[in-house]
Protein backbone atom coordinates (compact mmCIF):
# COMPACT_ATOMS: atom_id res chain seq x y z
CA MET A 1 0.00 0.00 0.00
CA CYS A 2 3.00 2.24 -0.14
CA THR A 3 4.21 2.10 -3.75
CA VAL A 4 1.82 1.67 -6.68
CA SER A 5 2.46 1.78 -10.42
CA PHE A 6 0.15 1.78 -13.43
CA VAL A 7 1.60 0.67 -16.77
CA ARG A 8 -0.18 0.35 -20.11
CA VAL A 9 1.30 -2.21 -22.50
CA HIS A 10 -0.60 -2.73 -25.77
CA ASP A 11 -3.98 -4.17 -24.73
CA ALA A 12 -2.99 -4.94 -21.13
CA ILE A 13 -3.08 -2.88 -17.95
CA ILE A 14 -0.44 -3.72 -15.32
CA ILE A 15 -1.09 -2.48 -11.78
CA THR A 16 1.51 -3.32 -9.14
CA SER A 17 1.75 -2.51 -5.44
CA ASN A 18 4.36 -2.88 -2.70
CA ARG A 19 2.97 -3.17 0.82
CA ASP A 20 5.20 -1.67 3.51
CA GLU A 21 4.30 -2.27 7.15
CA HIS A 22 5.97 -2.44 10.54
CA ILE A 23 7.32 -5.89 11.38
CA GLN A 24 5.09 -6.01 14.46
CA ARG A 25 2.00 -6.09 12.23
CA GLU A 26 0.59 -9.53 11.52
CA ASN A 27 0.99 -10.69 7.93
CA ALA A 28 -2.09 -10.70 5.69
CA ALA A 29 -3.92 -13.81 4.55
CA ALA A 30 -3.15 -15.12 1.08
CA PRO A 31 -5.35 -13.78 -1.74
CA ALA A 32 -8.73 -15.44 -1.97
CA PHE A 33 -11.99 -15.00 -3.87
CA HIS A 34 -14.86 -13.37 -2.00
CA GLN A 35 -18.48 -12.82 -3.01
CA LEU A 36 -19.39 -9.26 -2.05
CA GLN A 37 -22.64 -7.59 -3.14
CA ASN A 38 -23.05 -10.28 -5.82
CA LYS A 39 -19.59 -9.50 -7.19
CA LYS A 40 -16.63 -11.82 -7.30
CA ILE A 41 -13.62 -10.03 -5.85
CA ILE A 42 -10.11 -11.27 -5.14
CA PHE A 43 -7.89 -9.73 -2.49
CA PRO A 44 -5.40 -10.53 0.28
CA LYS A 45 -7.15 -9.85 3.60
CA ASP A 46 -5.48 -7.75 6.28
CA ALA A 47 -5.32 -9.76 9.51
CA LYS A 48 -5.77 -6.69 11.72
CA ALA A 49 -8.88 -5.00 10.33
CA GLY A 50 -10.22 -7.40 7.71
CA GLY A 51 -9.84 -4.99 4.82
CA THR A 52 -7.28 -4.91 2.04
CA TRP A 53 -4.93 -2.65 0.15
CA PHE A 54 -5.40 -4.30 -3.28
CA ALA A 55 -8.55 -5.77 -4.80
CA ALA A 56 -9.76 -6.79 -8.27
CA GLY A 57 -13.34 -7.52 -9.27
CA ASP A 58 -14.97 -9.55 -12.03
CA SER A 59 -16.16 -6.33 -13.66
CA GLY A 60 -12.52 -5.58 -14.50
CA VAL A 61 -12.22 -3.00 -11.72
CA VAL A 62 -9.00 -2.77 -9.72
CA ALA A 63 -8.57 -0.59 -6.62
CA VAL A 64 -5.31 -0.05 -4.76
CA LEU A 65 -4.75 1.85 -1.51
CA LEU A 66 -1.89 4.04 -0.32
CA ASN A 67 -1.64 5.53 3.16
CA GLY A 68 -1.89 9.31 3.29
CA ALA A 69 -3.06 11.90 0.77
CA PHE A 70 -0.83 14.77 -0.35
CA LYS A 71 1.43 15.14 2.67
CA LYS A 72 2.40 13.31 5.83
CA HIS A 73 -0.29 13.67 8.46
CA ILE A 74 -0.41 13.14 12.18
CA ALA A 75 -2.53 10.10 12.99
CA GLN A 76 -5.41 10.83 15.35
CA PRO A 77 -6.92 7.48 16.37
CA PRO A 78 -9.31 5.99 17.09
CA TYR A 79 -10.81 6.03 13.60
CA ILE A 80 -14.25 4.56 13.01
CA LYS A 81 -13.17 2.28 10.18
CA SER A 82 -9.96 1.13 8.48
CA ARG A 83 -9.00 2.48 5.07
CA GLY A 84 -8.82 -1.10 3.80
CA LEU A 85 -12.53 -1.55 4.53
CA ILE A 86 -13.27 1.71 2.71
CA LEU A 87 -11.48 0.33 -0.36
CA LEU A 88 -13.70 -2.77 -0.29
CA GLU A 89 -16.83 -0.63 -0.04
CA ILE A 90 -15.73 1.31 -3.11
CA ILE A 91 -14.85 -1.68 -5.30
CA GLU A 92 -18.03 -3.58 -4.44
CA ALA A 93 -20.24 -0.60 -5.33
CA ASP A 94 -22.17 -0.83 -8.60
CA GLU A 95 -20.57 2.45 -9.67
CA PRO A 96 -17.37 2.98 -7.66
CA LEU A 97 -16.66 6.58 -8.66
CA PRO A 98 -20.12 8.05 -7.88
CA PHE A 99 -20.09 6.00 -4.67
CA PHE A 100 -16.82 7.63 -3.59
CA LYS A 101 -18.35 11.06 -4.18
CA ILE A 102 -21.18 10.43 -1.70
CA LEU A 103 -19.27 8.25 0.77
CA ASP A 104 -19.07 9.63 4.31
CA LEU A 105 -15.38 9.71 5.24
CA ASP A 106 -15.65 11.64 8.48
CA ASN A 107 -13.17 10.25 11.03
CA ILE A 108 -11.37 8.14 8.41
CA GLU A 109 -7.58 8.42 8.20
CA PRO A 110 -6.24 10.13 5.01
CA PHE A 111 -5.65 7.89 2.01
CA THR A 112 -5.11 7.70 -1.73
CA ILE A 113 -6.85 5.14 -3.93
CA VAL A 114 -5.87 4.33 -7.49
CA LEU A 115 -9.10 3.23 -9.17
CA TYR A 116 -9.07 1.52 -12.57
CA GLN A 117 -12.26 0.72 -14.44
CA PRO A 118 -12.28 -0.56 -18.03
CA GLY A 119 -11.29 2.49 -20.07
CA LEU A 120 -10.99 4.80 -17.06
CA LEU A 121 -8.35 5.66 -14.47
CA HIS A 122 -8.88 7.88 -11.42
CA GLU A 123 -6.85 9.02 -8.46
CA LEU A 124 -9.04 9.43 -5.36
CA ARG A 125 -7.71 11.19 -2.29
CA TRP A 126 -9.10 11.95 1.15
CA ASP A 127 -6.97 14.43 3.13
CA GLY A 128 -8.98 14.18 6.35
CA ASN A 129 -11.17 17.13 5.45
CA ASN A 130 -11.89 17.05 1.72
CA LYS A 131 -12.14 14.59 -1.14
CA HIS A 132 -10.07 15.06 -4.28
CA GLU A 133 -10.81 13.27 -7.55
CA LYS A 134 -8.53 13.36 -10.58
CA ALA A 135 -9.06 11.65 -13.94
CA LEU A 136 -5.85 10.36 -15.54
CA ASP A 137 -4.93 9.50 -19.12
CA ILE A 138 -5.54 5.77 -19.52
CA THR A 139 -2.65 5.54 -22.01
CA GLY A 140 -0.12 6.95 -19.54
CA ASN A 141 2.26 5.35 -17.05
CA TYR A 142 2.21 6.42 -13.39
CA ILE A 143 3.79 5.73 -10.03
CA TRP A 144 2.65 6.74 -6.54
CA SER A 145 4.56 6.61 -3.24
CA SER A 146 2.94 6.94 0.17
CA SER A 147 3.26 10.43 1.64
CA THR A 148 3.50 8.88 5.11
CA LEU A 149 6.76 7.07 4.35
CA TYR A 150 8.56 9.13 1.74
CA THR A 151 9.57 12.79 1.54
CA ASP A 152 8.78 14.90 -1.51
CA GLU A 153 12.42 14.61 -2.61
CA VAL A 154 12.40 10.82 -2.34
CA ILE A 155 9.04 10.61 -4.15
CA GLU A 156 10.47 12.68 -7.02
CA HIS A 157 13.58 10.47 -7.15
CA ARG A 158 11.42 7.35 -7.32
CA GLU A 159 9.33 8.88 -10.10
CA ASN A 160 12.51 9.58 -12.07
CA GLN A 161 13.66 5.98 -11.60
CA PHE A 162 10.28 4.73 -12.80
CA HIS A 163 10.26 6.86 -15.94
CA ARG A 164 13.84 5.85 -16.76
CA PHE A 165 12.73 2.24 -16.46
CA ILE A 166 9.72 2.82 -18.74
CA HIS A 167 11.74 4.59 -21.43
CA SER A 168 14.91 2.49 -21.34
CA ALA A 169 13.56 -1.04 -21.04
CA ALA A 170 13.79 -3.14 -24.20
CA GLY A 171 10.28 -4.47 -23.63
CA ILE A 172 7.86 -3.87 -20.78
CA THR A 173 6.06 -6.93 -19.44
CA ALA A 174 4.30 -7.80 -16.21
CA ALA A 175 7.45 -9.65 -15.16
CA THR A 176 9.78 -6.71 -15.79
CA VAL A 177 7.43 -4.37 -13.88
CA HIS A 178 7.39 -6.85 -11.00
CA ASP A 179 11.20 -6.99 -11.06
CA PHE A 180 11.32 -3.20 -10.94
CA HIS A 181 9.13 -3.23 -7.83
CA ALA A 182 11.36 -5.91 -6.30
CA SER A 183 14.51 -3.76 -6.55
CA ASN A 184 16.03 -1.32 -4.10
CA ASN A 185 19.38 -0.43 -5.71
CA GLY A 186 21.11 -1.01 -2.39
CA ASP A 187 18.87 1.53 -0.64
CA ALA A 188 17.10 -0.23 2.24
CA GLU A 189 15.55 3.05 3.41
CA ASN A 190 13.93 4.36 0.24
CA GLY A 191 14.28 1.64 -2.41
CA PHE A 192 11.19 -0.09 -3.71
CA VAL A 193 11.78 -2.97 -1.29
CA ILE A 194 12.64 -1.47 2.09
CA SER A 195 13.94 -2.81 5.37
CA ARG A 196 14.35 0.14 7.70
CA GLN A 197 15.97 0.19 11.11
CA THR A 198 12.66 1.52 12.43
CA GLY A 199 11.05 -1.84 11.65
CA MET A 200 9.28 -0.77 8.46
CA LYS A 201 9.61 -3.48 5.87
CA THR A 202 8.16 -4.45 2.49
CA PHE A 203 5.83 -7.36 3.21
CA SER A 204 4.64 -8.20 -0.28
CA ILE A 205 4.29 -7.28 -3.95
CA THR A 206 0.85 -7.66 -5.52
CA GLN A 207 0.05 -7.30 -9.21
CA ALA A 208 -3.03 -7.40 -11.42
CA VAL A 209 -2.76 -7.68 -15.19
CA VAL A 210 -6.06 -6.70 -16.77
CA GLN A 211 -6.70 -8.04 -20.27
CA THR A 212 -9.81 -8.23 -22.42
CA ASP A 213 -11.41 -11.20 -20.69
CA VAL A 214 -9.32 -11.94 -17.61
CA VAL A 215 -7.47 -10.42 -14.69
CA LYS A 216 -4.29 -12.28 -13.82
CA PHE A 217 -3.58 -11.81 -10.12
CA LEU A 218 -0.15 -12.38 -8.59
CA HIS A 219 0.84 -11.98 -4.94
CA ALA A 220 4.42 -12.44 -3.75
CA ASP A 221 4.67 -12.77 0.04
CA LEU A 222 8.24 -11.62 0.71
CA LEU A 223 8.17 -12.57 4.39
CA GLN A 224 7.18 -16.20 3.84
CA GLN A 225 8.78 -16.39 0.40
CA LYS A 226 5.58 -17.69 -1.17
CA CYS A 227 3.93 -16.75 -4.44
CA TYR A 228 0.24 -17.03 -5.30
CA THR A 229 -1.35 -16.73 -8.74
CA GLU A 230 -5.03 -16.69 -9.63
CA THR A 231 -7.11 -15.88 -12.72
CA LEU A 232 -10.33 -13.90 -12.50
CA HIS A 233 -12.61 -14.07 -15.52
CA ILE A 234 -14.23 -10.75 -16.40
CA ASN A 235 -18.02 -10.67 -16.45
CA HIS A 236 -18.64 -8.08 -19.18
CA ALA A 237 -22.31 -7.83 -18.24
CA ALA A 238 -21.24 -6.49 -14.84
CA ILE A 239 -19.24 -3.58 -16.27
CA LYS A 240 -20.87 -0.22 -15.48
CA ILE A 241 -19.11 3.02 -16.39
């Protein structure tokens, strides 16, 4: 939930996320299929709150969470609900974007959600006081880093690394994007896979590859050194834009 990239390659969408958490936090359950509001959704479930940071639905929708909005905030618990549960509410809605616009987020900790729907890409932010919605070019390539873990300078450096990767790679594939997310260039503090002295560590890398009829879902648990792959068939009748 702390580094997310969006890459468009021909007719495929590649969305990848690194989850960084403190080592005292219990590891999440392996990805599994869930039936929510008559929708088939796959996601790894957070052991603490029951939500998730990365989910894909059979309508071709993918939603990914990052902690924080535009800048690092001071946490003011208790909050009434986890951000991971908010993400599930959004992805299981018939129309996720309009649902976000009316969703009551009072006393919810700030977050950013990258929301992909077939043909559409949006960046949704809640700064603790106001919602911010931004439509993005579906043909572009993007990277986000959590404002709670990385300074503006580090975020800019990571963006530069990402764009160098996009423009210099001989051929972009889901595997090469995953390898990019699995690198740290010897920087355990601010690389894409971190292991900080404070106890913050990259727990996993999760990826969804959205194609015409399927979503290929991959989850690499870096703590247990296990990899899970699943295929979610897209129900085109369920797509609502």
